[in-house]
Amino acid sequence: MEVRVDLAQILISDTREQQIITLRERNGPRSLQIVIGGNEASAIHRRVRGETPARPLTHELLANIVEALGGELEKIIISDLKDDTYFATLVIRRGTELLEIDSRPSDAIALGVAGEVPLYVNDDVLRVASH
């Protein structure tokens, strides 16, 4: 089962290479922290704020490619946790076809946050990793 979550916080530190995003269960008390890289944290932060770069950066480029190929990012699922590494799936609809693409959670969130794409966490992952 998938649990709907929202991006609750982006912690960007000038003194650490790794940054943290917090996802919070939409209708519940659980939250999940994921450690991500600085570039990804900056991309998520920029897209949350609605900042548009003069030229497309990686996540804007990918969004443009999905759209140009007739697809729409339908949802993002944080699907698994193995050896302290989170895995995500991009669910892209193209006509009647659903494509599931493996992704790092940080890239998936950076891609989806600008378009307010629904974000889910597999309940098993949330149960094991929630705070």
N, C-alpha and C. Protein backbone atom coordinates (compact mmCIF):
# COMPACT_ATOMS: atom_id res chain seq x y z
N MET A 1 0.84 -1.18 0.00
CA MET A 1 0.00 0.00 0.00
C MET A 1 0.89 1.25 0.00
N GLU A 2 0.44 2.26 -0.71
CA GLU A 2 1.18 3.52 -0.78
C GLU A 2 0.53 4.56 0.12
N VAL A 3 1.35 5.33 0.81
CA VAL A 3 0.88 6.36 1.73
C VAL A 3 1.26 7.72 1.14
N ARG A 4 0.30 8.61 1.03
CA ARG A 4 0.54 9.94 0.48
C ARG A 4 1.36 10.76 1.48
N VAL A 5 2.41 11.42 0.99
CA VAL A 5 3.26 12.26 1.81
C VAL A 5 3.47 13.60 1.12
N ASP A 6 3.95 14.55 1.88
CA ASP A 6 4.28 15.87 1.35
C ASP A 6 5.72 16.20 1.71
N LEU A 7 6.35 16.96 0.85
CA LEU A 7 7.68 17.48 1.15
C LEU A 7 7.50 18.52 2.25
N ALA A 8 8.01 18.22 3.43
CA ALA A 8 7.79 19.08 4.60
C ALA A 8 8.95 20.02 4.87
N GLN A 9 10.18 19.58 4.53
CA GLN A 9 11.34 20.40 4.89
C GLN A 9 12.54 20.03 4.03
N ILE A 10 13.33 21.04 3.72
CA ILE A 10 14.62 20.85 3.06
C ILE A 10 15.65 21.49 3.97
N LEU A 11 16.57 20.69 4.51
CA LEU A 11 17.63 21.23 5.37
C LEU A 11 18.91 21.31 4.56
N ILE A 12 19.33 22.53 4.31
CA ILE A 12 20.55 22.76 3.54
C ILE A 12 21.60 23.30 4.49
N SER A 13 22.72 22.59 4.57
CA SER A 13 23.80 22.97 5.48
C SER A 13 25.01 23.41 4.67
N ASP A 14 25.63 24.48 5.11
CA ASP A 14 26.86 24.95 4.47
C ASP A 14 28.08 24.18 4.94
N THR A 15 27.93 23.43 6.03
CA THR A 15 29.09 22.75 6.61
C THR A 15 29.14 21.25 6.31
N ARG A 16 28.10 20.73 5.68
CA ARG A 16 28.07 19.30 5.34
C ARG A 16 27.81 19.13 3.85
N GLU A 17 28.36 18.07 3.30
CA GLU A 17 28.11 17.77 1.89
C GLU A 17 26.71 17.21 1.70
N GLN A 18 26.26 16.41 2.66
CA GLN A 18 24.95 15.78 2.55
C GLN A 18 23.87 16.65 3.19
N GLN A 19 22.73 16.73 2.53
CA GLN A 19 21.61 17.53 2.97
C GLN A 19 20.46 16.59 3.33
N ILE A 20 19.39 17.12 3.92
CA ILE A 20 18.28 16.27 4.36
C ILE A 20 16.96 16.85 3.87
N ILE A 21 16.11 15.96 3.35
CA ILE A 21 14.73 16.35 3.08
C ILE A 21 13.84 15.52 4.01
N THR A 22 12.75 16.13 4.42
CA THR A 22 11.79 15.44 5.29
C THR A 22 10.47 15.33 4.55
N LEU A 23 9.95 14.10 4.50
CA LEU A 23 8.63 13.84 3.94
C LEU A 23 7.71 13.53 5.10
N ARG A 24 6.50 14.13 5.11
CA ARG A 24 5.57 13.92 6.21
C ARG A 24 4.28 13.31 5.67
N GLU A 25 3.82 12.28 6.37
CA GLU A 25 2.57 11.61 6.03
C GLU A 25 1.44 12.65 5.99
N ARG A 26 0.67 12.65 4.91
CA ARG A 26 -0.35 13.68 4.73
C ARG A 26 -1.43 13.63 5.81
N ASN A 27 -1.93 12.46 6.12
CA ASN A 27 -3.01 12.34 7.10
C ASN A 27 -2.58 11.49 8.30
N GLY A 28 -1.39 11.74 8.78
CA GLY A 28 -0.89 10.95 9.89
C GLY A 28 0.33 11.59 10.52
N PRO A 29 0.86 10.96 11.55
CA PRO A 29 1.95 11.56 12.31
C PRO A 29 3.36 11.22 11.83
N ARG A 30 3.50 10.26 10.91
CA ARG A 30 4.83 9.77 10.56
C ARG A 30 5.56 10.70 9.60
N SER A 31 6.88 10.71 9.74
CA SER A 31 7.73 11.45 8.81
C SER A 31 8.95 10.60 8.47
N LEU A 32 9.59 10.97 7.40
CA LEU A 32 10.72 10.21 6.87
C LEU A 32 11.79 11.19 6.44
N GLN A 33 13.03 10.97 6.87
CA GLN A 33 14.13 11.82 6.45
C GLN A 33 15.01 11.06 5.47
N ILE A 34 15.39 11.76 4.40
CA ILE A 34 16.24 11.16 3.38
C ILE A 34 17.45 12.07 3.19
N VAL A 35 18.63 11.49 3.28
CA VAL A 35 19.87 12.24 3.06
C VAL A 35 20.12 12.31 1.56
N ILE A 36 20.37 13.52 1.07
CA ILE A 36 20.61 13.73 -0.36
C ILE A 36 21.84 14.61 -0.55
N GLY A 37 22.29 14.72 -1.76
CA GLY A 37 23.44 15.56 -2.08
C GLY A 37 23.08 17.04 -2.17
N GLY A 38 24.09 17.86 -2.13
CA GLY A 38 23.89 19.31 -2.19
C GLY A 38 23.26 19.80 -3.47
N ASN A 39 23.68 19.25 -4.61
CA ASN A 39 23.11 19.67 -5.89
C ASN A 39 21.62 19.35 -5.97
N GLU A 40 21.25 18.17 -5.49
CA GLU A 40 19.86 17.77 -5.52
C GLU A 40 19.03 18.63 -4.57
N ALA A 41 19.56 18.92 -3.39
CA ALA A 41 18.85 19.78 -2.44
C ALA A 41 18.63 21.17 -3.04
N SER A 42 19.65 21.69 -3.70
CA SER A 42 19.52 23.01 -4.35
C SER A 42 18.47 22.98 -5.46
N ALA A 43 18.45 21.89 -6.23
CA ALA A 43 17.46 21.77 -7.31
C ALA A 43 16.05 21.72 -6.75
N ILE A 44 15.84 20.94 -5.69
CA ILE A 44 14.52 20.85 -5.08
C ILE A 44 14.12 22.21 -4.52
N HIS A 45 15.02 22.84 -3.81
CA HIS A 45 14.74 24.16 -3.21
C HIS A 45 14.39 25.19 -4.28
N ARG A 46 15.15 25.20 -5.37
CA ARG A 46 14.91 26.13 -6.47
C ARG A 46 13.54 25.89 -7.09
N ARG A 47 13.20 24.62 -7.30
CA ARG A 47 11.92 24.30 -7.95
C ARG A 47 10.73 24.56 -7.02
N VAL A 48 10.90 24.34 -5.72
CA VAL A 48 9.84 24.66 -4.75
C VAL A 48 9.55 26.15 -4.78
N ARG A 49 10.59 26.94 -4.89
CA ARG A 49 10.44 28.40 -4.90
C ARG A 49 9.96 28.93 -6.25
N GLY A 50 9.86 28.05 -7.25
CA GLY A 50 9.38 28.47 -8.56
C GLY A 50 10.40 29.23 -9.38
N GLU A 51 11.67 29.10 -9.02
CA GLU A 51 12.73 29.79 -9.76
C GLU A 51 12.99 29.07 -11.08
N THR A 52 12.98 29.82 -12.16
CA THR A 52 13.22 29.25 -13.48
C THR A 52 14.59 29.71 -13.96
N PRO A 53 15.50 28.77 -14.21
CA PRO A 53 16.82 29.17 -14.70
C PRO A 53 16.72 29.68 -16.13
N ALA A 54 17.70 30.47 -16.53
CA ALA A 54 17.71 31.01 -17.89
C ALA A 54 17.73 29.91 -18.94
N ARG A 55 18.42 28.84 -18.66
CA ARG A 55 18.48 27.67 -19.54
C ARG A 55 18.09 26.45 -18.72
N PRO A 56 17.46 25.45 -19.34
CA PRO A 56 17.03 24.27 -18.57
C PRO A 56 18.21 23.54 -17.92
N LEU A 57 18.07 23.28 -16.62
CA LEU A 57 19.03 22.44 -15.93
C LEU A 57 18.51 21.00 -16.01
N THR A 58 19.18 20.06 -15.39
CA THR A 58 18.88 18.64 -15.57
C THR A 58 17.42 18.29 -15.34
N HIS A 59 16.82 18.75 -14.24
CA HIS A 59 15.45 18.35 -13.94
C HIS A 59 14.45 19.03 -14.86
N GLU A 60 14.71 20.26 -15.26
CA GLU A 60 13.85 20.93 -16.24
C GLU A 60 13.96 20.23 -17.60
N LEU A 61 15.19 19.84 -17.95
CA LEU A 61 15.41 19.12 -19.20
C LEU A 61 14.62 17.81 -19.22
N LEU A 62 14.71 17.05 -18.14
CA LEU A 62 14.00 15.78 -18.07
C LEU A 62 12.49 15.99 -18.14
N ALA A 63 11.97 16.99 -17.45
CA ALA A 63 10.53 17.29 -17.52
C ALA A 63 10.13 17.65 -18.95
N ASN A 64 10.97 18.42 -19.63
CA ASN A 64 10.69 18.79 -21.01
C ASN A 64 10.69 17.57 -21.93
N ILE A 65 11.61 16.63 -21.70
CA ILE A 65 11.69 15.41 -22.52
C ILE A 65 10.44 14.56 -22.31
N VAL A 66 10.04 14.35 -21.06
CA VAL A 66 8.84 13.56 -20.77
C VAL A 66 7.64 14.16 -21.49
N GLU A 67 7.49 15.48 -21.40
CA GLU A 67 6.36 16.16 -22.05
C GLU A 67 6.44 16.07 -23.57
N ALA A 68 7.64 16.27 -24.13
CA ALA A 68 7.80 16.22 -25.59
C ALA A 68 7.51 14.83 -26.15
N LEU A 69 7.72 13.80 -25.34
CA LEU A 69 7.45 12.43 -25.78
C LEU A 69 6.01 12.01 -25.49
N GLY A 70 5.18 12.96 -25.08
CA GLY A 70 3.77 12.68 -24.86
C GLY A 70 3.45 12.07 -23.52
N GLY A 71 4.35 12.21 -22.57
CA GLY A 71 4.12 11.63 -21.25
C GLY A 71 3.76 12.67 -20.22
N GLU A 72 3.26 12.18 -19.11
CA GLU A 72 2.95 13.03 -17.97
C GLU A 72 3.35 12.29 -16.70
N LEU A 73 4.12 12.95 -15.85
CA LEU A 73 4.52 12.35 -14.59
C LEU A 73 3.29 12.29 -13.70
N GLU A 74 2.79 11.08 -13.47
CA GLU A 74 1.54 10.89 -12.74
C GLU A 74 1.74 10.86 -11.23
N LYS A 75 2.80 10.16 -10.79
CA LYS A 75 3.10 10.12 -9.36
C LYS A 75 4.52 9.63 -9.15
N ILE A 76 4.99 9.86 -7.93
CA ILE A 76 6.31 9.42 -7.50
C ILE A 76 6.11 8.52 -6.28
N ILE A 77 6.81 7.40 -6.26
CA ILE A 77 6.70 6.48 -5.14
C ILE A 77 8.09 6.21 -4.57
N ILE A 78 8.27 6.48 -3.28
CA ILE A 78 9.48 6.02 -2.59
C ILE A 78 9.17 4.55 -2.30
N SER A 79 9.78 3.69 -3.08
CA SER A 79 9.31 2.31 -3.18
C SER A 79 10.06 1.29 -2.32
N ASP A 80 11.29 1.60 -1.95
CA ASP A 80 12.07 0.58 -1.25
C ASP A 80 13.18 1.22 -0.43
N LEU A 81 13.68 0.46 0.52
CA LEU A 81 14.83 0.83 1.34
C LEU A 81 15.69 -0.41 1.50
N LYS A 82 16.90 -0.34 0.96
CA LYS A 82 17.84 -1.47 1.04
C LYS A 82 19.19 -0.94 1.47
N ASP A 83 19.75 -1.51 2.51
CA ASP A 83 21.08 -1.13 2.99
C ASP A 83 21.21 0.38 3.16
N ASP A 84 20.21 0.98 3.81
CA ASP A 84 20.18 2.42 4.09
C ASP A 84 20.11 3.28 2.84
N THR A 85 19.70 2.71 1.71
CA THR A 85 19.54 3.46 0.47
C THR A 85 18.07 3.39 0.04
N TYR A 86 17.48 4.57 -0.20
CA TYR A 86 16.10 4.64 -0.65
C TYR A 86 16.05 4.53 -2.17
N PHE A 87 14.97 3.94 -2.66
CA PHE A 87 14.73 3.80 -4.09
C PHE A 87 13.38 4.43 -4.40
N ALA A 88 13.27 5.02 -5.57
CA ALA A 88 12.02 5.65 -5.98
C ALA A 88 11.63 5.17 -7.38
N THR A 89 10.36 5.36 -7.67
CA THR A 89 9.83 5.01 -8.98
C THR A 89 9.06 6.21 -9.52
N LEU A 90 9.36 6.59 -10.75
CA LEU A 90 8.57 7.59 -11.46
C LEU A 90 7.48 6.85 -12.22
N VAL A 91 6.24 7.22 -12.02
CA VAL A 91 5.14 6.61 -12.77
C VAL A 91 4.71 7.64 -13.82
N ILE A 92 4.98 7.31 -15.07
CA ILE A 92 4.71 8.22 -16.19
C ILE A 92 3.58 7.62 -17.03
N ARG A 93 2.58 8.44 -17.29
CA ARG A 93 1.47 8.02 -18.16
C ARG A 93 1.72 8.57 -19.56
N ARG A 94 1.61 7.67 -20.52
CA ARG A 94 1.70 8.06 -21.94
C ARG A 94 0.52 7.39 -22.63
N GLY A 95 -0.54 8.15 -22.83
CA GLY A 95 -1.77 7.59 -23.36
C GLY A 95 -2.37 6.64 -22.35
N THR A 96 -2.58 5.39 -22.75
CA THR A 96 -3.13 4.39 -21.84
C THR A 96 -2.03 3.58 -21.16
N GLU A 97 -0.80 3.86 -21.52
CA GLU A 97 0.34 3.10 -20.99
C GLU A 97 0.92 3.77 -19.75
N LEU A 98 1.24 2.95 -18.73
CA LEU A 98 1.93 3.44 -17.54
C LEU A 98 3.36 2.91 -17.57
N LEU A 99 4.32 3.81 -17.47
CA LEU A 99 5.73 3.44 -17.44
C LEU A 99 6.25 3.65 -16.04
N GLU A 100 7.00 2.69 -15.52
CA GLU A 100 7.61 2.83 -14.21
C GLU A 100 9.12 2.89 -14.39
N ILE A 101 9.71 4.02 -13.98
CA ILE A 101 11.12 4.29 -14.19
C ILE A 101 11.82 4.38 -12.84
N ASP A 102 12.90 3.60 -12.67
CA ASP A 102 13.70 3.64 -11.45
C ASP A 102 14.37 5.00 -11.32
N SER A 103 14.44 5.52 -10.10
CA SER A 103 15.02 6.85 -9.88
C SER A 103 15.57 6.95 -8.46
N ARG A 104 16.49 7.87 -8.28
CA ARG A 104 16.87 8.25 -6.92
C ARG A 104 15.73 9.12 -6.39
N PRO A 105 15.40 9.00 -5.11
CA PRO A 105 14.32 9.83 -4.57
C PRO A 105 14.55 11.33 -4.77
N SER A 106 15.77 11.78 -4.58
CA SER A 106 16.05 13.21 -4.72
C SER A 106 15.76 13.70 -6.14
N ASP A 107 16.13 12.93 -7.14
CA ASP A 107 15.86 13.33 -8.53
C ASP A 107 14.37 13.29 -8.82
N ALA A 108 13.69 12.26 -8.32
CA ALA A 108 12.25 12.14 -8.53
C ALA A 108 11.52 13.33 -7.91
N ILE A 109 11.89 13.68 -6.69
CA ILE A 109 11.23 14.79 -6.01
C ILE A 109 11.54 16.11 -6.72
N ALA A 110 12.78 16.31 -7.12
CA ALA A 110 13.13 17.53 -7.85
C ALA A 110 12.35 17.64 -9.15
N LEU A 111 12.14 16.53 -9.81
CA LEU A 111 11.38 16.52 -11.06
C LEU A 111 9.91 16.83 -10.80
N GLY A 112 9.34 16.21 -9.76
CA GLY A 112 7.91 16.32 -9.54
C GLY A 112 7.43 17.51 -8.77
N VAL A 113 8.28 18.10 -7.95
CA VAL A 113 7.82 19.15 -7.03
C VAL A 113 7.33 20.39 -7.77
N ALA A 114 7.92 20.73 -8.89
CA ALA A 114 7.50 21.92 -9.62
C ALA A 114 6.10 21.75 -10.20
N GLY A 115 5.75 20.52 -10.56
CA GLY A 115 4.43 20.25 -11.12
C GLY A 115 3.43 19.74 -10.10
N GLU A 116 3.79 19.82 -8.83
CA GLU A 116 2.93 19.36 -7.75
C GLU A 116 2.44 17.93 -7.98
N VAL A 117 3.35 17.07 -8.41
CA VAL A 117 3.06 15.67 -8.66
C VAL A 117 2.88 14.96 -7.32
N PRO A 118 1.83 14.14 -7.16
CA PRO A 118 1.63 13.42 -5.90
C PRO A 118 2.82 12.54 -5.54
N LEU A 119 3.15 12.55 -4.27
CA LEU A 119 4.30 11.81 -3.75
C LEU A 119 3.80 10.79 -2.74
N TYR A 120 4.27 9.55 -2.90
CA TYR A 120 3.85 8.46 -2.02
C TYR A 120 5.08 7.73 -1.49
N VAL A 121 4.89 7.07 -0.35
CA VAL A 121 5.91 6.18 0.21
C VAL A 121 5.25 4.84 0.42
N ASN A 122 5.92 3.77 0.03
CA ASN A 122 5.43 2.43 0.30
C ASN A 122 5.27 2.30 1.81
N ASP A 123 4.14 1.78 2.25
CA ASP A 123 3.85 1.68 3.68
C ASP A 123 4.92 0.89 4.44
N ASP A 124 5.47 -0.16 3.83
CA ASP A 124 6.53 -0.94 4.48
C ASP A 124 7.76 -0.08 4.74
N VAL A 125 8.10 0.78 3.79
CA VAL A 125 9.25 1.67 3.95
C VAL A 125 8.97 2.67 5.05
N LEU A 126 7.79 3.25 5.04
CA LEU A 126 7.42 4.25 6.06
C LEU A 126 7.40 3.63 7.45
N ARG A 127 6.92 2.42 7.54
CA ARG A 127 6.86 1.72 8.84
C ARG A 127 8.26 1.52 9.41
N VAL A 128 9.20 1.13 8.58
CA VAL A 128 10.57 0.83 9.03
C VAL A 128 11.36 2.10 9.32
N ALA A 129 11.19 3.13 8.50
CA ALA A 129 12.08 4.29 8.55
C ALA A 129 11.49 5.55 9.16
N SER A 130 10.23 5.53 9.53
CA SER A 130 9.60 6.78 10.00
C SER A 130 10.08 7.16 11.39
N HIS A 131 9.93 8.45 11.65
CA HIS A 131 10.30 9.04 12.94
C HIS A 131 9.05 9.41 13.70
